[in-house]
């Protein structure tokens, strides 16, 4: 990875990443996108985004983290629980954006 890319990845906030993911999801046909305005009235640990593309039945739960951010115990419980129920649940970071991994998941 180039030094400028590494600097961008380290500097990217969750809010920046969320904006990029939402815009890409819209562009890729996800017509139903949920994100809480603030976490104050949301259940503790619930993923940051729910992305739904009804045309092909694709549903994703996404927890966003800064590059060095840690997943809390409650967030992990939600992710594990969603996966146990057969849902696609991911933790995504700025490096996933840079590598193209997020675009692949949204395909």
Protein backbone atom coordinates (compact mmCIF):
# COMPACT_ATOMS: atom_id res chain seq x y z
CA UNK A 1 0.00 0.00 0.00
CA UNK A 2 1.29 3.45 -0.85
CA UNK A 3 2.00 5.93 1.90
CA UNK A 4 -0.77 8.37 0.79
CA UNK A 5 -3.28 5.50 0.82
CA UNK A 6 -2.16 4.43 4.29
CA UNK A 7 -2.58 8.01 5.55
CA UNK A 8 -6.10 8.23 4.09
CA UNK A 9 -7.06 4.89 5.64
CA UNK A 10 -5.79 5.91 9.08
CA UNK A 11 -7.54 9.31 8.90
CA UNK A 12 -10.94 8.08 7.66
CA UNK A 13 -13.68 8.30 10.29
CA UNK A 14 -16.66 5.98 10.68
CA UNK A 15 -18.88 8.82 9.47
CA UNK A 16 -16.77 9.22 6.30
CA UNK A 17 -16.86 5.49 5.68
CA UNK A 18 -20.60 5.37 6.29
CA UNK A 19 -21.17 8.08 3.69
CA UNK A 20 -19.09 6.22 1.11
CA UNK A 21 -20.82 2.89 1.80
CA UNK A 22 -24.31 4.41 1.62
CA UNK A 23 -23.60 6.18 -1.67
CA UNK A 24 -22.11 3.03 -3.21
CA UNK A 25 -25.04 0.95 -1.96
CA UNK A 26 -27.53 3.38 -3.52
CA UNK A 27 -25.59 3.31 -6.78
CA UNK A 28 -25.65 -0.51 -6.71
CA UNK A 29 -29.43 -0.67 -6.31
CA UNK A 30 -29.94 -0.92 -2.55
CA UNK A 31 -33.22 0.94 -2.26
CA UNK A 32 -33.76 0.40 1.46
CA UNK A 33 -30.97 1.67 3.69
CA UNK A 34 -31.30 2.02 7.44
CA UNK A 35 -28.89 3.84 9.71
CA UNK A 36 -29.73 5.36 13.05
CA UNK A 37 -29.39 9.11 13.29
CA UNK A 38 -27.74 8.63 16.67
CA UNK A 39 -27.19 5.53 18.74
CA UNK A 40 -28.97 7.08 21.74
CA UNK A 41 -32.33 5.47 20.94
CA UNK A 42 -31.00 2.32 19.26
CA UNK A 43 -30.40 -1.03 20.94
CA UNK A 44 -26.85 -1.28 22.24
CA UNK A 45 -24.50 -2.89 19.75
CA UNK A 46 -26.94 -3.01 16.82
CA UNK A 47 -25.03 -2.69 13.50
CA UNK A 48 -24.60 0.77 11.97
CA UNK A 49 -26.23 -0.05 8.63
CA UNK A 50 -28.91 -2.35 7.28
CA UNK A 51 -28.75 -2.53 3.48
CA UNK A 52 -31.60 -4.14 1.54
CA UNK A 53 -31.86 -4.74 -2.20
CA UNK A 54 -35.34 -6.26 -2.68
CA UNK A 55 -34.81 -6.91 -6.39
CA UNK A 56 -32.56 -9.86 -5.59
CA UNK A 57 -33.25 -10.42 -1.90
CA UNK A 58 -29.86 -9.18 -0.70
CA UNK A 59 -29.79 -8.07 2.94
CA UNK A 60 -26.63 -6.98 4.75
CA UNK A 61 -25.97 -5.86 8.32
CA UNK A 62 -22.85 -3.73 8.59
CA UNK A 63 -20.85 -2.51 11.57
CA UNK A 64 -18.42 0.25 10.58
CA UNK A 65 -15.17 0.85 12.37
CA UNK A 66 -12.17 3.11 12.01
CA UNK A 67 -9.12 1.20 10.89
CA UNK A 68 -8.00 0.55 14.46
CA UNK A 69 -11.45 0.60 16.07
CA UNK A 70 -12.49 -2.29 18.28
CA UNK A 71 -15.77 -4.19 18.11
CA UNK A 72 -17.49 -4.09 21.51
CA UNK A 73 -18.78 -7.20 23.23
CA UNK A 74 -22.38 -6.14 22.57
CA UNK A 75 -21.64 -5.45 18.88
CA UNK A 76 -20.07 -8.88 18.55
CA UNK A 77 -23.11 -10.49 20.17
CA UNK A 78 -25.36 -8.82 17.58
CA UNK A 79 -23.10 -9.83 14.67
CA UNK A 80 -22.84 -13.42 15.90
CA UNK A 81 -26.59 -13.59 16.53
CA UNK A 82 -27.44 -12.26 13.07
CA UNK A 83 -25.04 -14.74 11.45
CA UNK A 84 -26.52 -17.61 13.52
CA UNK A 85 -29.91 -16.69 12.04
CA UNK A 86 -28.51 -16.91 8.51
CA UNK A 87 -27.97 -13.19 7.90
CA UNK A 88 -24.92 -11.63 6.29
CA UNK A 89 -23.25 -9.47 8.94
CA UNK A 90 -19.91 -7.75 8.51
CA UNK A 91 -17.44 -5.41 10.17
CA UNK A 92 -16.06 -3.03 7.56
CA UNK A 93 -13.10 -0.69 7.81
CA UNK A 94 -11.49 1.93 5.58
CA UNK A 95 -8.99 -0.63 4.27
CA UNK A 96 -11.97 -2.67 2.99
CA UNK A 97 -13.01 0.37 0.95
CA UNK A 98 -9.53 0.85 -0.46
CA UNK A 99 -9.10 -2.86 -1.32
CA UNK A 100 -12.44 -3.12 -3.14
CA UNK A 101 -13.82 -5.58 -0.58
CA UNK A 102 -16.87 -3.43 0.14
CA UNK A 103 -17.77 -3.24 -3.54
CA UNK A 104 -17.48 -7.04 -3.77
CA UNK A 105 -19.81 -7.51 -0.78
CA UNK A 106 -22.41 -5.20 -2.27
CA UNK A 107 -22.37 -6.93 -5.67
